[in-house]
N, C-alpha and C. Protein backbone atom coordinates (compact mmCIF):
# COMPACT_ATOMS: atom_id res chain seq x y z
N ILE A 1 8.22 14.51 1.34
CA ILE A 1 7.88 13.33 2.13
C ILE A 1 9.13 12.92 2.90
N PRO A 2 9.00 12.60 4.20
CA PRO A 2 10.16 12.17 4.98
C PRO A 2 10.80 10.88 4.45
N HIS A 3 11.99 10.58 4.91
CA HIS A 3 12.74 9.36 4.58
C HIS A 3 13.06 9.27 3.10
N ASP A 4 13.11 10.41 2.42
CA ASP A 4 13.40 10.42 0.99
C ASP A 4 12.47 9.51 0.20
N LEU A 5 11.23 9.42 0.62
CA LEU A 5 10.26 8.62 -0.12
C LEU A 5 9.98 9.29 -1.45
N GLU A 6 9.72 8.47 -2.42
CA GLU A 6 9.45 8.98 -3.75
C GLU A 6 8.06 8.56 -4.19
N PHE A 7 7.47 9.39 -5.04
CA PHE A 7 6.19 9.03 -5.63
C PHE A 7 6.13 9.58 -7.05
N ASP A 8 5.39 8.90 -7.90
CA ASP A 8 5.05 9.42 -9.22
C ASP A 8 3.62 9.90 -9.13
N PHE A 9 3.37 11.10 -9.65
CA PHE A 9 2.04 11.70 -9.51
C PHE A 9 1.34 11.71 -10.87
N TYR A 10 0.12 11.23 -10.87
CA TYR A 10 -0.71 11.18 -12.08
C TYR A 10 -1.97 11.99 -11.82
N GLN A 11 -2.45 12.66 -12.86
CA GLN A 11 -3.72 13.37 -12.73
C GLN A 11 -4.42 13.35 -14.08
N PRO A 12 -5.71 13.63 -14.06
CA PRO A 12 -6.45 13.63 -15.33
C PRO A 12 -5.85 14.62 -16.32
N LYS A 13 -5.83 14.25 -17.59
CA LYS A 13 -5.27 15.13 -18.62
C LYS A 13 -6.16 16.36 -18.78
N ASN A 14 -5.51 17.49 -19.04
CA ASN A 14 -6.20 18.76 -19.25
C ASN A 14 -7.12 19.11 -18.08
N ASP A 15 -6.70 18.74 -16.90
CA ASP A 15 -7.53 18.92 -15.71
C ASP A 15 -7.42 20.34 -15.17
N THR A 16 -8.54 20.95 -14.91
CA THR A 16 -8.56 22.28 -14.29
C THR A 16 -9.29 22.26 -12.95
N LEU A 17 -9.86 21.12 -12.59
CA LEU A 17 -10.62 21.01 -11.35
C LEU A 17 -9.68 20.91 -10.15
N ASN A 18 -9.97 21.66 -9.11
CA ASN A 18 -9.23 21.56 -7.86
C ASN A 18 -9.93 20.57 -6.94
N ASN A 19 -9.22 20.11 -5.93
CA ASN A 19 -9.79 19.24 -4.89
C ASN A 19 -10.30 17.91 -5.41
N ARG A 20 -9.50 17.23 -6.17
CA ARG A 20 -9.86 15.87 -6.60
C ARG A 20 -9.47 14.86 -5.52
N PRO A 21 -10.18 13.74 -5.46
CA PRO A 21 -9.75 12.67 -4.54
C PRO A 21 -8.37 12.15 -4.96
N LEU A 22 -7.62 11.67 -3.97
CA LEU A 22 -6.30 11.10 -4.21
C LEU A 22 -6.32 9.61 -3.88
N ILE A 23 -5.74 8.83 -4.78
CA ILE A 23 -5.53 7.41 -4.51
C ILE A 23 -4.03 7.17 -4.45
N ILE A 24 -3.56 6.65 -3.33
CA ILE A 24 -2.15 6.27 -3.18
C ILE A 24 -2.04 4.80 -3.55
N VAL A 25 -1.20 4.49 -4.52
CA VAL A 25 -1.02 3.11 -5.00
C VAL A 25 0.30 2.59 -4.42
N VAL A 26 0.22 1.42 -3.75
CA VAL A 26 1.38 0.83 -3.08
C VAL A 26 1.73 -0.50 -3.75
N HIS A 27 2.93 -0.58 -4.29
CA HIS A 27 3.38 -1.76 -5.05
C HIS A 27 3.61 -2.98 -4.16
N GLY A 28 3.66 -4.13 -4.80
CA GLY A 28 4.03 -5.37 -4.13
C GLY A 28 5.52 -5.62 -4.26
N GLY A 29 5.95 -6.81 -3.87
CA GLY A 29 7.37 -7.17 -3.97
C GLY A 29 7.88 -7.93 -2.77
N ALA A 30 6.97 -8.44 -1.92
CA ALA A 30 7.33 -9.29 -0.79
C ALA A 30 8.26 -8.61 0.22
N PHE A 31 8.26 -7.28 0.24
CA PHE A 31 9.08 -6.48 1.15
C PHE A 31 10.58 -6.61 0.86
N VAL A 32 10.94 -7.27 -0.24
CA VAL A 32 12.35 -7.41 -0.59
C VAL A 32 12.68 -6.72 -1.91
N SER A 33 11.66 -6.41 -2.70
CA SER A 33 11.89 -5.78 -4.00
C SER A 33 10.64 -5.00 -4.38
N GLY A 34 10.62 -4.52 -5.59
CA GLY A 34 9.47 -3.77 -6.08
C GLY A 34 9.77 -2.29 -6.12
N ASN A 35 8.98 -1.62 -6.94
CA ASN A 35 9.21 -0.20 -7.17
C ASN A 35 7.95 0.38 -7.79
N LYS A 36 7.71 1.64 -7.55
CA LYS A 36 6.53 2.33 -8.05
C LYS A 36 6.44 2.29 -9.57
N GLY A 37 7.55 2.10 -10.25
CA GLY A 37 7.55 2.06 -11.71
C GLY A 37 7.96 0.72 -12.27
N ASP A 38 7.91 -0.33 -11.44
CA ASP A 38 8.36 -1.67 -11.84
C ASP A 38 7.54 -2.18 -13.03
N SER A 39 8.23 -2.53 -14.11
CA SER A 39 7.54 -3.01 -15.31
C SER A 39 6.92 -4.39 -15.12
N ASN A 40 7.31 -5.13 -14.09
CA ASN A 40 6.73 -6.44 -13.84
C ASN A 40 5.40 -6.36 -13.09
N GLU A 41 5.04 -5.18 -12.65
CA GLU A 41 3.79 -4.99 -11.92
C GLU A 41 2.89 -4.04 -12.68
N PRO A 42 1.60 -4.12 -12.46
CA PRO A 42 0.67 -3.26 -13.20
C PRO A 42 0.48 -1.87 -12.59
N ILE A 43 1.44 -1.38 -11.83
CA ILE A 43 1.29 -0.11 -11.12
C ILE A 43 1.01 1.04 -12.07
N THR A 44 1.81 1.19 -13.12
CA THR A 44 1.62 2.29 -14.06
C THR A 44 0.24 2.19 -14.71
N ALA A 45 -0.17 0.98 -15.06
CA ALA A 45 -1.50 0.80 -15.66
C ALA A 45 -2.61 1.19 -14.68
N TYR A 46 -2.47 0.80 -13.39
CA TYR A 46 -3.46 1.22 -12.37
C TYR A 46 -3.55 2.74 -12.36
N CYS A 47 -2.39 3.36 -12.28
CA CYS A 47 -2.34 4.82 -12.11
C CYS A 47 -2.93 5.53 -13.32
N ASP A 48 -2.55 5.11 -14.51
CA ASP A 48 -3.10 5.72 -15.73
C ASP A 48 -4.61 5.54 -15.79
N SER A 49 -5.07 4.35 -15.47
CA SER A 49 -6.51 4.06 -15.51
C SER A 49 -7.28 4.90 -14.49
N LEU A 50 -6.77 4.99 -13.28
CA LEU A 50 -7.45 5.78 -12.24
C LEU A 50 -7.44 7.27 -12.58
N ALA A 51 -6.34 7.78 -13.11
CA ALA A 51 -6.27 9.19 -13.49
C ALA A 51 -7.25 9.49 -14.62
N SER A 52 -7.39 8.55 -15.55
CA SER A 52 -8.32 8.78 -16.66
C SER A 52 -9.78 8.78 -16.19
N ARG A 53 -10.02 8.29 -14.99
CA ARG A 53 -11.37 8.28 -14.41
C ARG A 53 -11.60 9.45 -13.45
N GLY A 54 -10.65 10.37 -13.40
CA GLY A 54 -10.86 11.59 -12.63
C GLY A 54 -10.19 11.66 -11.27
N TYR A 55 -9.30 10.74 -10.96
CA TYR A 55 -8.61 10.76 -9.67
C TYR A 55 -7.19 11.31 -9.84
N ASN A 56 -6.69 11.95 -8.80
CA ASN A 56 -5.26 12.20 -8.68
C ASN A 56 -4.68 10.93 -8.07
N VAL A 57 -3.53 10.53 -8.53
CA VAL A 57 -2.95 9.25 -8.10
C VAL A 57 -1.47 9.45 -7.78
N ALA A 58 -1.02 8.85 -6.69
CA ALA A 58 0.39 8.86 -6.32
C ALA A 58 0.86 7.41 -6.19
N ALA A 59 1.79 7.00 -7.05
CA ALA A 59 2.42 5.68 -6.94
C ALA A 59 3.59 5.85 -5.98
N LEU A 60 3.52 5.18 -4.85
CA LEU A 60 4.44 5.40 -3.74
C LEU A 60 5.51 4.32 -3.65
N ASN A 61 6.75 4.73 -3.47
CA ASN A 61 7.79 3.80 -3.05
C ASN A 61 7.81 3.80 -1.52
N TYR A 62 8.05 2.65 -0.94
CA TYR A 62 8.19 2.56 0.51
C TYR A 62 9.50 1.84 0.81
N ARG A 63 9.94 1.95 2.05
CA ARG A 63 11.21 1.30 2.44
C ARG A 63 11.04 -0.22 2.40
N ILE A 64 11.98 -0.86 1.75
CA ILE A 64 12.00 -2.32 1.72
C ILE A 64 13.30 -2.78 2.38
N GLY A 65 13.41 -4.04 2.69
CA GLY A 65 14.65 -4.49 3.32
C GLY A 65 14.51 -5.76 4.12
N LEU A 66 13.54 -6.56 3.79
CA LEU A 66 13.36 -7.83 4.48
C LEU A 66 14.41 -8.82 3.99
N ALA A 67 15.08 -9.47 4.91
CA ALA A 67 16.07 -10.48 4.55
C ALA A 67 15.40 -11.85 4.57
N ILE A 68 15.48 -12.55 3.46
CA ILE A 68 14.93 -13.90 3.37
C ILE A 68 16.11 -14.86 3.24
N LYS A 69 16.09 -15.88 4.06
CA LYS A 69 17.18 -16.86 4.05
C LYS A 69 16.64 -18.20 3.59
N LYS A 70 17.53 -19.05 3.14
CA LYS A 70 17.14 -20.41 2.74
C LYS A 70 17.74 -21.41 3.72
N SER A 71 16.94 -22.41 4.06
CA SER A 71 17.42 -23.47 4.93
C SER A 71 18.24 -24.46 4.11
N GLN A 72 18.80 -25.45 4.80
CA GLN A 72 19.58 -26.47 4.10
C GLN A 72 18.70 -27.26 3.13
N ARG A 73 17.41 -27.31 3.39
CA ARG A 73 16.48 -28.02 2.51
C ARG A 73 15.89 -27.08 1.44
N ASN A 74 16.52 -25.92 1.28
CA ASN A 74 16.12 -24.94 0.27
C ASN A 74 14.73 -24.35 0.52
N LYS A 75 14.31 -24.33 1.77
CA LYS A 75 13.03 -23.75 2.16
C LYS A 75 13.28 -22.31 2.63
N LEU A 76 12.38 -21.41 2.26
CA LEU A 76 12.54 -20.02 2.66
C LEU A 76 12.28 -19.84 4.15
N ILE A 77 13.11 -19.03 4.78
CA ILE A 77 12.98 -18.72 6.20
C ILE A 77 12.83 -17.21 6.34
N ILE A 78 11.75 -16.80 6.98
CA ILE A 78 11.53 -15.37 7.21
C ILE A 78 11.41 -15.17 8.71
N ASP A 79 12.27 -14.33 9.25
CA ASP A 79 12.25 -14.02 10.67
C ASP A 79 11.02 -13.16 10.97
N SER A 80 10.21 -13.57 11.95
CA SER A 80 8.96 -12.86 12.25
C SER A 80 9.20 -11.43 12.71
N LEU A 81 10.30 -11.18 13.42
CA LEU A 81 10.60 -9.81 13.83
C LEU A 81 10.95 -8.93 12.64
N GLU A 82 11.66 -9.52 11.66
CA GLU A 82 12.00 -8.76 10.46
C GLU A 82 10.78 -8.41 9.65
N ILE A 83 9.84 -9.34 9.53
CA ILE A 83 8.64 -9.05 8.75
C ILE A 83 7.82 -7.97 9.45
N LYS A 84 7.75 -8.03 10.77
CA LYS A 84 7.01 -6.99 11.51
C LYS A 84 7.68 -5.63 11.34
N ARG A 85 9.01 -5.61 11.35
CA ARG A 85 9.73 -4.35 11.15
C ARG A 85 9.49 -3.81 9.74
N ALA A 86 9.57 -4.67 8.75
CA ALA A 86 9.36 -4.24 7.36
C ALA A 86 7.95 -3.68 7.19
N ILE A 87 6.98 -4.33 7.81
CA ILE A 87 5.60 -3.85 7.73
C ILE A 87 5.46 -2.52 8.44
N GLN A 88 6.06 -2.39 9.59
CA GLN A 88 5.97 -1.11 10.33
C GLN A 88 6.59 0.03 9.53
N TRP A 89 7.73 -0.23 8.88
CA TRP A 89 8.34 0.80 8.03
C TRP A 89 7.38 1.21 6.91
N GLY A 90 6.79 0.22 6.26
CA GLY A 90 5.88 0.51 5.16
C GLY A 90 4.64 1.27 5.62
N VAL A 91 4.09 0.90 6.77
CA VAL A 91 2.94 1.61 7.33
C VAL A 91 3.32 3.05 7.64
N GLN A 92 4.48 3.24 8.24
CA GLN A 92 4.96 4.60 8.52
C GLN A 92 5.09 5.41 7.23
N ASP A 93 5.57 4.76 6.18
CA ASP A 93 5.75 5.46 4.91
C ASP A 93 4.41 5.85 4.30
N ILE A 94 3.41 4.99 4.39
CA ILE A 94 2.06 5.34 3.92
C ILE A 94 1.51 6.50 4.74
N GLN A 95 1.66 6.42 6.05
CA GLN A 95 1.16 7.50 6.91
C GLN A 95 1.91 8.81 6.65
N ASN A 96 3.21 8.74 6.41
CA ASN A 96 3.97 9.94 6.06
C ASN A 96 3.49 10.52 4.73
N ALA A 97 3.18 9.65 3.79
CA ALA A 97 2.67 10.13 2.50
C ALA A 97 1.31 10.82 2.69
N ILE A 98 0.43 10.23 3.48
CA ILE A 98 -0.87 10.85 3.75
C ILE A 98 -0.67 12.21 4.41
N GLN A 99 0.23 12.27 5.37
CA GLN A 99 0.53 13.54 6.05
C GLN A 99 1.04 14.57 5.05
N TYR A 100 1.96 14.16 4.19
CA TYR A 100 2.50 15.05 3.17
C TYR A 100 1.39 15.58 2.26
N PHE A 101 0.55 14.68 1.76
CA PHE A 101 -0.49 15.11 0.82
C PHE A 101 -1.55 15.98 1.49
N LYS A 102 -1.84 15.73 2.75
CA LYS A 102 -2.77 16.61 3.45
C LYS A 102 -2.17 18.01 3.60
N ALA A 103 -0.88 18.07 3.93
CA ALA A 103 -0.21 19.36 4.11
C ALA A 103 -0.01 20.09 2.78
N ASN A 104 0.04 19.36 1.69
CA ASN A 104 0.28 19.95 0.37
C ASN A 104 -0.90 19.76 -0.57
N ALA A 105 -2.09 19.69 -0.01
CA ALA A 105 -3.30 19.44 -0.80
C ALA A 105 -3.50 20.50 -1.88
N ASP A 106 -3.31 21.77 -1.54
CA ASP A 106 -3.51 22.83 -2.53
C ASP A 106 -2.51 22.70 -3.69
N ARG A 107 -1.28 22.42 -3.35
CA ARG A 107 -0.23 22.30 -4.38
C ARG A 107 -0.56 21.20 -5.39
N HIS A 108 -1.08 20.07 -4.89
CA HIS A 108 -1.39 18.92 -5.76
C HIS A 108 -2.86 18.86 -6.16
N ARG A 109 -3.64 19.88 -5.74
CA ARG A 109 -5.07 19.97 -6.07
C ARG A 109 -5.83 18.72 -5.60
N ILE A 110 -5.63 18.41 -4.31
CA ILE A 110 -6.21 17.22 -3.69
C ILE A 110 -7.26 17.63 -2.67
N ASP A 111 -8.34 16.86 -2.60
CA ASP A 111 -9.31 16.99 -1.52
C ASP A 111 -8.74 16.18 -0.35
N SER A 112 -8.24 16.85 0.66
CA SER A 112 -7.55 16.18 1.77
C SER A 112 -8.48 15.30 2.61
N GLU A 113 -9.77 15.40 2.39
CA GLU A 113 -10.72 14.53 3.10
C GLU A 113 -11.07 13.29 2.28
N LYS A 114 -10.47 13.16 1.12
CA LYS A 114 -10.75 12.01 0.24
C LYS A 114 -9.45 11.41 -0.25
N ILE A 115 -8.74 10.78 0.68
CA ILE A 115 -7.49 10.09 0.36
C ILE A 115 -7.70 8.60 0.58
N PHE A 116 -7.41 7.82 -0.46
CA PHE A 116 -7.63 6.38 -0.45
C PHE A 116 -6.32 5.66 -0.76
N VAL A 117 -6.23 4.38 -0.39
CA VAL A 117 -5.02 3.59 -0.65
C VAL A 117 -5.44 2.28 -1.33
N ILE A 118 -4.70 1.93 -2.38
CA ILE A 118 -4.85 0.62 -3.01
C ILE A 118 -3.47 -0.02 -3.04
N GLY A 119 -3.40 -1.29 -2.66
CA GLY A 119 -2.12 -1.99 -2.67
C GLY A 119 -2.29 -3.41 -3.17
N ASN A 120 -1.23 -3.94 -3.78
CA ASN A 120 -1.27 -5.34 -4.17
C ASN A 120 -0.15 -6.11 -3.48
N SER A 121 -0.46 -7.33 -3.08
CA SER A 121 0.48 -8.23 -2.41
C SER A 121 1.05 -7.57 -1.15
N SER A 122 2.36 -7.35 -1.07
CA SER A 122 2.89 -6.72 0.14
C SER A 122 2.35 -5.30 0.30
N GLY A 123 2.07 -4.61 -0.80
CA GLY A 123 1.44 -3.29 -0.73
C GLY A 123 0.05 -3.37 -0.13
N ALA A 124 -0.66 -4.47 -0.39
CA ALA A 124 -2.00 -4.67 0.20
C ALA A 124 -1.89 -4.95 1.69
N ILE A 125 -0.87 -5.69 2.08
CA ILE A 125 -0.63 -5.93 3.51
C ILE A 125 -0.41 -4.59 4.21
N LEU A 126 0.40 -3.73 3.59
CA LEU A 126 0.67 -2.42 4.18
C LEU A 126 -0.60 -1.57 4.24
N ALA A 127 -1.40 -1.61 3.19
CA ALA A 127 -2.65 -0.85 3.19
C ALA A 127 -3.54 -1.30 4.34
N LEU A 128 -3.70 -2.60 4.51
CA LEU A 128 -4.54 -3.12 5.60
C LEU A 128 -3.96 -2.75 6.96
N GLN A 129 -2.67 -2.93 7.13
CA GLN A 129 -2.06 -2.61 8.43
C GLN A 129 -2.15 -1.12 8.73
N SER A 130 -2.14 -0.28 7.69
CA SER A 130 -2.18 1.17 7.92
C SER A 130 -3.50 1.62 8.52
N VAL A 131 -4.54 0.82 8.35
CA VAL A 131 -5.85 1.21 8.91
C VAL A 131 -6.19 0.44 10.18
N CYS A 132 -5.32 -0.45 10.61
CA CYS A 132 -5.55 -1.17 11.87
C CYS A 132 -5.29 -0.28 13.07
N GLU A 133 -4.45 0.73 12.88
CA GLU A 133 -4.17 1.69 13.95
C GLU A 133 -5.09 2.89 13.74
N ARG A 134 -5.85 3.23 14.73
CA ARG A 134 -6.76 4.37 14.60
C ARG A 134 -5.99 5.66 14.83
N ASN A 135 -5.90 6.47 13.78
CA ASN A 135 -5.27 7.78 13.89
C ASN A 135 -5.73 8.66 12.73
N ASN A 136 -5.32 9.90 12.74
CA ASN A 136 -5.75 10.82 11.69
C ASN A 136 -4.95 10.68 10.40
N LEU A 137 -4.04 9.71 10.35
CA LEU A 137 -3.25 9.48 9.15
C LEU A 137 -3.71 8.23 8.41
N SER A 138 -4.91 7.79 8.68
CA SER A 138 -5.49 6.66 7.96
C SER A 138 -6.23 7.19 6.74
N PRO A 139 -6.24 6.41 5.66
CA PRO A 139 -7.03 6.82 4.50
C PRO A 139 -8.53 6.68 4.79
N GLN A 140 -9.35 7.19 3.88
CA GLN A 140 -10.79 7.10 4.06
C GLN A 140 -11.34 5.73 3.65
N ALA A 141 -10.59 5.00 2.82
CA ALA A 141 -10.97 3.64 2.41
C ALA A 141 -9.73 3.00 1.78
N ILE A 142 -9.74 1.66 1.69
CA ILE A 142 -8.63 0.96 1.03
C ILE A 142 -9.16 -0.15 0.14
N VAL A 143 -8.31 -0.52 -0.81
CA VAL A 143 -8.53 -1.71 -1.63
C VAL A 143 -7.30 -2.58 -1.44
N SER A 144 -7.53 -3.82 -1.01
CA SER A 144 -6.46 -4.78 -0.79
C SER A 144 -6.53 -5.85 -1.87
N LEU A 145 -5.53 -5.86 -2.74
CA LEU A 145 -5.44 -6.88 -3.79
C LEU A 145 -4.48 -7.96 -3.32
N TRP A 146 -5.04 -9.07 -2.90
CA TRP A 146 -4.32 -10.25 -2.39
C TRP A 146 -3.34 -9.92 -1.27
N GLY A 147 -3.88 -9.27 -0.24
CA GLY A 147 -3.10 -8.95 0.96
C GLY A 147 -3.65 -9.68 2.17
N ALA A 148 -3.12 -9.38 3.34
CA ALA A 148 -3.53 -10.04 4.58
C ALA A 148 -3.16 -9.14 5.75
N VAL A 149 -3.71 -9.45 6.91
CA VAL A 149 -3.31 -8.76 8.14
C VAL A 149 -2.42 -9.68 8.94
N ILE A 150 -1.59 -9.10 9.78
CA ILE A 150 -0.67 -9.88 10.61
C ILE A 150 -1.43 -10.65 11.68
N ASP A 151 -2.41 -10.01 12.27
CA ASP A 151 -3.19 -10.62 13.35
C ASP A 151 -4.66 -10.36 13.07
N LYS A 152 -5.43 -11.43 12.89
CA LYS A 152 -6.83 -11.25 12.51
C LYS A 152 -7.64 -10.49 13.56
N GLU A 153 -7.15 -10.42 14.78
CA GLU A 153 -7.83 -9.62 15.81
C GLU A 153 -7.79 -8.13 15.48
N GLN A 154 -6.80 -7.72 14.68
CA GLN A 154 -6.68 -6.31 14.31
C GLN A 154 -7.83 -5.85 13.43
N ILE A 155 -8.49 -6.77 12.78
CA ILE A 155 -9.60 -6.42 11.89
C ILE A 155 -10.69 -5.67 12.66
N LYS A 156 -10.81 -5.97 13.94
CA LYS A 156 -11.82 -5.30 14.78
C LYS A 156 -11.57 -3.80 14.85
N ASN A 157 -10.32 -3.37 14.65
CA ASN A 157 -9.97 -1.95 14.73
C ASN A 157 -10.24 -1.18 13.45
N ILE A 158 -10.58 -1.88 12.37
CA ILE A 158 -10.79 -1.21 11.09
C ILE A 158 -12.20 -0.62 11.06
N SER A 159 -12.25 0.70 10.88
CA SER A 159 -13.55 1.38 10.91
C SER A 159 -13.86 2.11 9.61
N ILE A 160 -13.11 1.81 8.55
CA ILE A 160 -13.35 2.45 7.26
C ILE A 160 -13.72 1.38 6.23
N PRO A 161 -14.26 1.78 5.09
CA PRO A 161 -14.58 0.78 4.05
C PRO A 161 -13.31 0.11 3.53
N VAL A 162 -13.39 -1.21 3.36
CA VAL A 162 -12.27 -2.00 2.85
C VAL A 162 -12.81 -2.96 1.79
N LEU A 163 -12.18 -2.97 0.63
CA LEU A 163 -12.50 -3.94 -0.41
C LEU A 163 -11.34 -4.93 -0.48
N LEU A 164 -11.63 -6.20 -0.20
CA LEU A 164 -10.62 -7.25 -0.23
C LEU A 164 -10.83 -8.09 -1.49
N ILE A 165 -9.77 -8.26 -2.26
CA ILE A 165 -9.83 -9.10 -3.45
C ILE A 165 -8.69 -10.11 -3.33
N HIS A 166 -9.06 -11.40 -3.38
CA HIS A 166 -8.06 -12.46 -3.20
C HIS A 166 -8.60 -13.73 -3.84
N GLY A 167 -7.72 -14.52 -4.41
CA GLY A 167 -8.14 -15.76 -5.05
C GLY A 167 -7.67 -16.98 -4.29
N THR A 168 -8.43 -18.05 -4.38
CA THR A 168 -8.08 -19.28 -3.66
C THR A 168 -6.91 -20.03 -4.30
N ALA A 169 -6.53 -19.67 -5.52
CA ALA A 169 -5.41 -20.35 -6.19
C ALA A 169 -4.08 -19.64 -5.98
N ASP A 170 -4.05 -18.61 -5.17
CA ASP A 170 -2.82 -17.85 -4.92
C ASP A 170 -1.84 -18.71 -4.13
N ARG A 171 -0.66 -18.98 -4.71
CA ARG A 171 0.34 -19.81 -4.04
C ARG A 171 1.37 -19.00 -3.29
N ILE A 172 1.35 -17.67 -3.44
CA ILE A 172 2.31 -16.81 -2.76
C ILE A 172 1.74 -16.30 -1.45
N ILE A 173 0.55 -15.74 -1.50
CA ILE A 173 -0.18 -15.30 -0.30
C ILE A 173 -1.40 -16.21 -0.20
N PRO A 174 -1.33 -17.30 0.57
CA PRO A 174 -2.45 -18.24 0.63
C PRO A 174 -3.75 -17.57 1.07
N PHE A 175 -4.85 -18.08 0.54
CA PHE A 175 -6.17 -17.50 0.77
C PHE A 175 -6.55 -17.49 2.25
N GLN A 176 -6.37 -18.57 2.97
CA GLN A 176 -6.77 -18.64 4.38
C GLN A 176 -5.76 -17.97 5.29
N LYS A 177 -4.51 -18.42 5.23
CA LYS A 177 -3.44 -17.83 6.02
C LYS A 177 -2.12 -18.42 5.54
N GLY A 178 -1.07 -17.69 5.78
CA GLY A 178 0.23 -18.15 5.35
C GLY A 178 1.16 -18.30 6.54
N PRO A 179 2.23 -19.08 6.41
CA PRO A 179 3.15 -19.27 7.52
C PRO A 179 3.76 -17.96 8.01
N MET A 180 3.96 -17.01 7.07
CA MET A 180 4.53 -15.73 7.44
C MET A 180 3.59 -14.96 8.37
N LEU A 181 2.30 -15.20 8.23
CA LEU A 181 1.31 -14.41 8.95
C LEU A 181 0.68 -15.16 10.12
N ASN A 182 1.16 -16.34 10.44
CA ASN A 182 0.60 -17.08 11.57
C ASN A 182 0.92 -16.39 12.88
C-alpha cells in the first residue's frame, strides 16, 4: 500500500474458501490520533466479529495530522483548510487500500467486486467522503458509525448503499451538524 500505510488482516479461522468479501475497517480519533489496534476503540472486536462471520477484514491505519488549537477562552479551534486536508489524506488512503486489495485479491483471497468500508467517528467521515467522488476506487457499500459529510450537497453523488448509524446524544459529532462541518 502506498504512503507506508499499514493494515492488520483478519480472516475466518481454518478458511479454505477463496474470493471472500473484504471489509476495510477505518478507526476514529478526530484526525489527530487513533490506530488500527487502539485498545480504546472497538476496532479489534469489529474485525474479529466480522471475520468469524465469514468476511476477510483489513483494519486500516490512515494518515493523521490535524492540528487543534485552543483559544484564550479554552475553546477548540480547528482550521477548515486543515480539516479538509486531513479528510483528503484519509480518503486517498482508503482509495489506495482499495486499489491495493483489488491488485492483490488472489494473494489475500478477496472477491475484488465485494469490497466494503466501515468507519467510526472520523473513520466514518472518511468512509462517507470516499464515496462522494465517483470513481472505480469506491467500495461497493459503507457503514458510517457516527460520521458526517463535509457538504450535504455531496450526498447527491453517493450511488452505493450506505448505512448511517448516529445517536442524538452524541456530544462529539452532533446529530444535525457540527461547527467543524458547517
